[in-house]
Amino acid sequence: MAYRMNDSEVEQCDFIHVHEDIVNQVQSVMPDEDQLLDLAEFFRVFGDSTRIKILYVLSQAEMCVCDIATLLQMGQSAISHQLRVLKQMRLVTYRRDGKTVFYSLADGHIQTILAQGMEHIEE
C-alpha cells in the first residue's frame, strides 16, 4: 500500500480499501461509549499541572494539605480544591489521624501511570 508523504497533510492511503478482518477484530474488543467517556475524563484530570504536581508529591510520601501547600508554594484552599477533584476521580485516598488528614495515592496504578508518563517524556 502506498502512502502520500506531504508534510502539510496527514498521510493517507492512495486508494480506499477497508480491511474488514482487522476492523471486525478491533470492533469486537472496543469498549462501549460510556467506558470511553469515563477513560477520557480520567485522563483529563492529568491535564492540569497542579494536579500532576500533587499526584507526584503523593507518589513520594503521604502528606496533609498543609505539607502539600508548603511544598508547592500554594494556598491550602487551592490544594484542597484539587484534592477534591482527585478524590472524586478515585486517584487519591485519605486517612484521618486525630485532627490531621493525610492523603496518598489511591493505588499503585496511579504511580505506574506517572512513572510511564515521565519515562515517555524523557525519551
N, C-alpha and C. Protein backbone atom coordinates (compact mmCIF):
# COMPACT_ATOMS: atom_id res chain seq x y z
N MET A 1 0.85 -1.16 0.00
CA MET A 1 0.00 0.00 0.00
C MET A 1 0.90 1.24 0.00
N ALA A 2 0.67 2.17 -0.89
CA ALA A 2 1.47 3.39 -1.00
C ALA A 2 0.85 4.49 -0.14
N TYR A 3 1.71 5.37 0.41
CA TYR A 3 1.26 6.48 1.23
C TYR A 3 1.75 7.79 0.66
N ARG A 4 0.93 8.83 0.78
CA ARG A 4 1.36 10.18 0.42
C ARG A 4 2.27 10.70 1.51
N MET A 5 3.30 11.44 1.14
CA MET A 5 4.24 11.95 2.12
C MET A 5 4.33 13.48 2.04
N ASN A 6 3.21 14.15 2.09
CA ASN A 6 3.17 15.60 2.07
C ASN A 6 3.15 16.09 3.51
N ASP A 7 4.11 16.92 3.91
CA ASP A 7 4.24 17.37 5.29
C ASP A 7 3.04 18.18 5.78
N SER A 8 2.33 18.82 4.88
CA SER A 8 1.22 19.66 5.30
C SER A 8 -0.07 18.87 5.50
N GLU A 9 -0.06 17.61 5.18
CA GLU A 9 -1.25 16.78 5.31
C GLU A 9 -0.95 15.54 6.14
N VAL A 10 -2.00 14.91 6.60
CA VAL A 10 -1.88 13.61 7.25
C VAL A 10 -1.69 12.58 6.17
N GLU A 11 -0.80 11.63 6.41
CA GLU A 11 -0.57 10.59 5.41
C GLU A 11 -1.84 9.77 5.25
N GLN A 12 -2.17 9.47 4.01
CA GLN A 12 -3.37 8.70 3.71
C GLN A 12 -3.05 7.65 2.67
N CYS A 13 -3.89 6.64 2.65
CA CYS A 13 -3.77 5.64 1.58
C CYS A 13 -4.09 6.30 0.25
N ASP A 14 -3.47 5.82 -0.80
CA ASP A 14 -3.75 6.35 -2.13
C ASP A 14 -5.07 5.81 -2.68
N PHE A 15 -5.56 4.75 -2.10
CA PHE A 15 -6.85 4.21 -2.53
C PHE A 15 -7.59 3.73 -1.28
N ILE A 16 -8.91 3.70 -1.40
CA ILE A 16 -9.73 3.30 -0.25
C ILE A 16 -9.98 1.80 -0.30
N HIS A 17 -9.58 1.15 0.77
CA HIS A 17 -9.80 -0.28 0.91
C HIS A 17 -9.90 -0.59 2.39
N VAL A 18 -11.05 -1.05 2.83
CA VAL A 18 -11.26 -1.38 4.23
C VAL A 18 -10.81 -2.81 4.48
N HIS A 19 -9.96 -2.99 5.47
CA HIS A 19 -9.50 -4.33 5.87
C HIS A 19 -10.49 -4.85 6.91
N GLU A 20 -11.56 -5.47 6.43
CA GLU A 20 -12.67 -5.85 7.28
C GLU A 20 -12.28 -6.78 8.42
N ASP A 21 -11.33 -7.68 8.18
CA ASP A 21 -10.91 -8.59 9.25
C ASP A 21 -10.30 -7.82 10.41
N ILE A 22 -9.48 -6.82 10.13
CA ILE A 22 -8.86 -6.02 11.18
C ILE A 22 -9.92 -5.17 11.87
N VAL A 23 -10.79 -4.54 11.11
CA VAL A 23 -11.84 -3.70 11.66
C VAL A 23 -12.74 -4.53 12.58
N ASN A 24 -13.14 -5.71 12.15
CA ASN A 24 -14.01 -6.57 12.96
C ASN A 24 -13.31 -7.04 14.23
N GLN A 25 -12.03 -7.37 14.12
CA GLN A 25 -11.28 -7.82 15.29
C GLN A 25 -11.20 -6.71 16.34
N VAL A 26 -10.87 -5.51 15.92
CA VAL A 26 -10.77 -4.39 16.86
C VAL A 26 -12.15 -4.02 17.40
N GLN A 27 -13.15 -4.02 16.55
CA GLN A 27 -14.51 -3.67 16.98
C GLN A 27 -15.01 -4.64 18.06
N SER A 28 -14.59 -5.90 17.99
CA SER A 28 -15.06 -6.90 18.96
C SER A 28 -14.51 -6.65 20.37
N VAL A 29 -13.41 -5.93 20.48
CA VAL A 29 -12.82 -5.65 21.80
C VAL A 29 -12.95 -4.18 22.20
N MET A 30 -13.56 -3.39 21.36
CA MET A 30 -13.70 -1.96 21.62
C MET A 30 -14.63 -1.73 22.80
N PRO A 31 -14.20 -0.92 23.79
CA PRO A 31 -15.09 -0.62 24.92
C PRO A 31 -16.31 0.16 24.45
N ASP A 32 -17.38 0.12 25.25
CA ASP A 32 -18.57 0.88 24.87
C ASP A 32 -18.34 2.37 25.09
N GLU A 33 -19.23 3.17 24.56
CA GLU A 33 -19.07 4.63 24.56
C GLU A 33 -18.95 5.20 25.97
N ASP A 34 -19.74 4.69 26.92
CA ASP A 34 -19.66 5.19 28.30
C ASP A 34 -18.30 4.93 28.91
N GLN A 35 -17.73 3.76 28.65
CA GLN A 35 -16.40 3.45 29.17
C GLN A 35 -15.35 4.38 28.56
N LEU A 36 -15.46 4.66 27.28
CA LEU A 36 -14.50 5.55 26.63
C LEU A 36 -14.63 6.98 27.14
N LEU A 37 -15.85 7.41 27.42
CA LEU A 37 -16.05 8.73 28.01
C LEU A 37 -15.44 8.81 29.40
N ASP A 38 -15.63 7.74 30.20
CA ASP A 38 -15.02 7.69 31.53
C ASP A 38 -13.49 7.71 31.44
N LEU A 39 -12.95 7.01 30.46
CA LEU A 39 -11.50 6.99 30.27
C LEU A 39 -10.98 8.37 29.88
N ALA A 40 -11.71 9.05 29.00
CA ALA A 40 -11.32 10.40 28.60
C ALA A 40 -11.36 11.34 29.80
N GLU A 41 -12.36 11.21 30.63
CA GLU A 41 -12.47 12.03 31.85
C GLU A 41 -11.32 11.73 32.81
N PHE A 42 -10.98 10.47 32.93
CA PHE A 42 -9.85 10.05 33.77
C PHE A 42 -8.57 10.74 33.32
N PHE A 43 -8.28 10.70 32.03
CA PHE A 43 -7.06 11.31 31.52
C PHE A 43 -7.13 12.84 31.52
N ARG A 44 -8.32 13.40 31.46
CA ARG A 44 -8.47 14.85 31.53
C ARG A 44 -7.94 15.37 32.86
N VAL A 45 -8.13 14.61 33.92
CA VAL A 45 -7.64 15.01 35.24
C VAL A 45 -6.13 15.19 35.23
N PHE A 46 -5.43 14.41 34.42
CA PHE A 46 -3.97 14.50 34.33
C PHE A 46 -3.53 15.72 33.51
N GLY A 47 -4.47 16.44 32.91
CA GLY A 47 -4.14 17.58 32.07
C GLY A 47 -3.91 18.87 32.81
N ASP A 48 -3.94 18.85 34.13
CA ASP A 48 -3.73 20.04 34.93
C ASP A 48 -2.41 19.92 35.68
N SER A 49 -1.52 20.90 35.53
CA SER A 49 -0.19 20.78 36.12
C SER A 49 -0.22 20.77 37.64
N THR A 50 -1.16 21.47 38.25
CA THR A 50 -1.26 21.44 39.72
C THR A 50 -1.63 20.04 40.20
N ARG A 51 -2.58 19.41 39.53
CA ARG A 51 -2.97 18.05 39.92
C ARG A 51 -1.81 17.08 39.70
N ILE A 52 -1.06 17.26 38.62
CA ILE A 52 0.10 16.40 38.37
C ILE A 52 1.13 16.58 39.49
N LYS A 53 1.37 17.82 39.89
CA LYS A 53 2.31 18.08 40.99
C LYS A 53 1.85 17.39 42.27
N ILE A 54 0.57 17.52 42.57
CA ILE A 54 0.03 16.88 43.78
C ILE A 54 0.19 15.37 43.69
N LEU A 55 -0.17 14.78 42.56
CA LEU A 55 -0.01 13.33 42.40
C LEU A 55 1.46 12.93 42.54
N TYR A 56 2.34 13.73 41.97
CA TYR A 56 3.76 13.39 42.06
C TYR A 56 4.25 13.42 43.51
N VAL A 57 3.91 14.48 44.25
CA VAL A 57 4.39 14.53 45.64
C VAL A 57 3.78 13.40 46.46
N LEU A 58 2.53 13.06 46.18
CA LEU A 58 1.90 11.95 46.91
C LEU A 58 2.48 10.60 46.50
N SER A 59 3.12 10.55 45.34
CA SER A 59 3.78 9.30 44.95
C SER A 59 5.06 9.10 45.76
N GLN A 60 5.53 10.19 46.38
CA GLN A 60 6.75 10.12 47.17
C GLN A 60 6.47 9.90 48.65
N ALA A 61 5.36 10.46 49.14
CA ALA A 61 5.04 10.34 50.57
C ALA A 61 3.59 10.70 50.82
N GLU A 62 3.04 10.14 51.87
CA GLU A 62 1.72 10.52 52.35
C GLU A 62 1.85 11.92 52.96
N MET A 63 0.91 12.81 52.65
CA MET A 63 1.02 14.19 53.12
C MET A 63 -0.35 14.76 53.47
N CYS A 64 -0.32 15.76 54.35
CA CYS A 64 -1.53 16.51 54.65
C CYS A 64 -1.58 17.75 53.75
N VAL A 65 -2.70 18.43 53.73
CA VAL A 65 -2.89 19.60 52.88
C VAL A 65 -1.83 20.67 53.18
N CYS A 66 -1.53 20.86 54.46
CA CYS A 66 -0.52 21.87 54.85
C CYS A 66 0.84 21.53 54.25
N ASP A 67 1.23 20.26 54.28
CA ASP A 67 2.51 19.84 53.71
C ASP A 67 2.55 20.10 52.21
N ILE A 68 1.49 19.71 51.52
CA ILE A 68 1.43 19.86 50.06
C ILE A 68 1.46 21.34 49.70
N ALA A 69 0.68 22.16 50.41
CA ALA A 69 0.63 23.59 50.14
C ALA A 69 2.00 24.23 50.33
N THR A 70 2.70 23.84 51.38
CA THR A 70 4.04 24.38 51.64
C THR A 70 5.00 23.94 50.54
N LEU A 71 4.99 22.68 50.20
CA LEU A 71 5.89 22.14 49.19
C LEU A 71 5.68 22.80 47.83
N LEU A 72 4.42 22.99 47.46
CA LEU A 72 4.10 23.54 46.14
C LEU A 72 3.96 25.07 46.15
N GLN A 73 4.13 25.66 47.33
CA GLN A 73 4.02 27.12 47.49
C GLN A 73 2.69 27.63 46.96
N MET A 74 1.64 27.00 47.45
CA MET A 74 0.28 27.37 47.05
C MET A 74 -0.58 27.47 48.30
N GLY A 75 -1.76 28.05 48.14
CA GLY A 75 -2.69 28.15 49.25
C GLY A 75 -3.35 26.81 49.55
N GLN A 76 -3.71 26.64 50.80
CA GLN A 76 -4.38 25.40 51.20
C GLN A 76 -5.71 25.22 50.51
N SER A 77 -6.43 26.31 50.26
CA SER A 77 -7.74 26.16 49.60
C SER A 77 -7.58 25.67 48.16
N ALA A 78 -6.54 26.14 47.48
CA ALA A 78 -6.29 25.67 46.11
C ALA A 78 -5.93 24.19 46.11
N ILE A 79 -5.11 23.79 47.06
CA ILE A 79 -4.73 22.37 47.18
C ILE A 79 -5.96 21.53 47.52
N SER A 80 -6.76 22.00 48.47
CA SER A 80 -7.97 21.27 48.86
C SER A 80 -8.91 21.08 47.69
N HIS A 81 -9.06 22.13 46.89
CA HIS A 81 -9.93 22.04 45.71
C HIS A 81 -9.44 20.95 44.75
N GLN A 82 -8.15 20.93 44.47
CA GLN A 82 -7.60 19.93 43.55
C GLN A 82 -7.66 18.53 44.16
N LEU A 83 -7.45 18.42 45.45
CA LEU A 83 -7.56 17.11 46.11
C LEU A 83 -8.99 16.59 46.02
N ARG A 84 -9.96 17.47 46.09
CA ARG A 84 -11.37 17.06 45.96
C ARG A 84 -11.60 16.44 44.58
N VAL A 85 -11.07 17.08 43.54
CA VAL A 85 -11.20 16.55 42.18
C VAL A 85 -10.51 15.18 42.10
N LEU A 86 -9.30 15.09 42.63
CA LEU A 86 -8.55 13.83 42.57
C LEU A 86 -9.25 12.73 43.37
N LYS A 87 -9.87 13.11 44.48
CA LYS A 87 -10.61 12.14 45.29
C LYS A 87 -11.85 11.66 44.56
N GLN A 88 -12.56 12.58 43.90
CA GLN A 88 -13.76 12.20 43.14
C GLN A 88 -13.42 11.23 42.01
N MET A 89 -12.24 11.39 41.44
CA MET A 89 -11.80 10.50 40.36
C MET A 89 -11.12 9.24 40.90
N ARG A 90 -11.11 9.08 42.20
CA ARG A 90 -10.53 7.92 42.89
C ARG A 90 -9.04 7.76 42.61
N LEU A 91 -8.34 8.90 42.49
CA LEU A 91 -6.90 8.87 42.28
C LEU A 91 -6.14 9.01 43.59
N VAL A 92 -6.79 9.63 44.57
CA VAL A 92 -6.18 9.75 45.90
C VAL A 92 -7.16 9.24 46.94
N THR A 93 -6.59 8.89 48.06
CA THR A 93 -7.39 8.46 49.20
C THR A 93 -6.86 9.20 50.42
N TYR A 94 -7.55 9.09 51.52
CA TYR A 94 -7.12 9.80 52.71
C TYR A 94 -7.38 8.97 53.96
N ARG A 95 -6.69 9.36 55.02
CA ARG A 95 -6.94 8.77 56.33
C ARG A 95 -6.82 9.88 57.36
N ARG A 96 -7.60 9.78 58.40
CA ARG A 96 -7.59 10.77 59.47
C ARG A 96 -6.75 10.24 60.62
N ASP A 97 -5.88 11.11 61.15
CA ASP A 97 -5.07 10.81 62.33
C ASP A 97 -5.26 11.96 63.30
N GLY A 98 -6.21 11.80 64.20
CA GLY A 98 -6.56 12.91 65.10
C GLY A 98 -7.21 14.01 64.30
N LYS A 99 -6.63 15.20 64.36
CA LYS A 99 -7.18 16.35 63.63
C LYS A 99 -6.55 16.51 62.25
N THR A 100 -5.61 15.65 61.91
CA THR A 100 -4.90 15.76 60.64
C THR A 100 -5.42 14.72 59.65
N VAL A 101 -5.59 15.16 58.39
CA VAL A 101 -6.00 14.26 57.31
C VAL A 101 -4.81 14.10 56.38
N PHE A 102 -4.39 12.86 56.20
CA PHE A 102 -3.27 12.54 55.33
C PHE A 102 -3.79 11.98 54.01
N TYR A 103 -3.22 12.45 52.91
CA TYR A 103 -3.59 11.98 51.58
C TYR A 103 -2.48 11.12 51.01
N SER A 104 -2.88 10.17 50.18
CA SER A 104 -1.93 9.31 49.47
C SER A 104 -2.57 8.89 48.15
N LEU A 105 -1.75 8.31 47.28
CA LEU A 105 -2.30 7.79 46.02
C LEU A 105 -3.25 6.65 46.33
N ALA A 106 -4.30 6.54 45.54
CA ALA A 106 -5.32 5.53 45.78
C ALA A 106 -4.80 4.12 45.59
N ASP A 107 -3.91 3.93 44.61
CA ASP A 107 -3.36 2.60 44.37
C ASP A 107 -2.11 2.69 43.51
N GLY A 108 -1.49 1.57 43.27
CA GLY A 108 -0.26 1.51 42.50
C GLY A 108 -0.43 1.87 41.04
N HIS A 109 -1.65 1.79 40.53
CA HIS A 109 -1.87 2.15 39.12
C HIS A 109 -1.50 3.60 38.86
N ILE A 110 -1.81 4.46 39.79
CA ILE A 110 -1.54 5.89 39.61
C ILE A 110 -0.04 6.12 39.56
N GLN A 111 0.68 5.46 40.44
CA GLN A 111 2.15 5.54 40.45
C GLN A 111 2.71 5.07 39.09
N THR A 112 2.17 3.99 38.59
CA THR A 112 2.61 3.44 37.30
C THR A 112 2.34 4.41 36.16
N ILE A 113 1.16 5.02 36.15
CA ILE A 113 0.81 5.98 35.10
C ILE A 113 1.78 7.16 35.13
N LEU A 114 2.06 7.67 36.32
CA LEU A 114 3.00 8.79 36.45
C LEU A 114 4.39 8.39 35.97
N ALA A 115 4.85 7.22 36.39
CA ALA A 115 6.19 6.75 36.02
C ALA A 115 6.30 6.55 34.51
N GLN A 116 5.27 5.96 33.91
CA GLN A 116 5.31 5.74 32.46
C GLN A 116 5.23 7.06 31.70
N GLY A 117 4.46 8.01 32.21
CA GLY A 117 4.40 9.32 31.59
C GLY A 117 5.76 10.01 31.63
N MET A 118 6.43 9.95 32.78
CA MET A 118 7.75 10.55 32.91
C MET A 118 8.74 9.85 31.97
N GLU A 119 8.67 8.55 31.91
CA GLU A 119 9.56 7.79 31.02
C GLU A 119 9.34 8.20 29.57
N HIS A 120 8.09 8.40 29.20
CA HIS A 120 7.77 8.77 27.82
C HIS A 120 8.33 10.15 27.46
N ILE A 121 8.17 11.13 28.36
CA ILE A 121 8.65 12.47 28.02
C ILE A 121 10.16 12.59 28.09
N GLU A 122 10.81 11.66 28.79
CA GLU A 122 12.27 11.70 28.89
C GLU A 122 12.96 10.97 27.74
N GLU A 123 12.20 10.29 26.88
CA GLU A 123 12.79 9.57 25.75
C GLU A 123 13.36 10.52 24.73
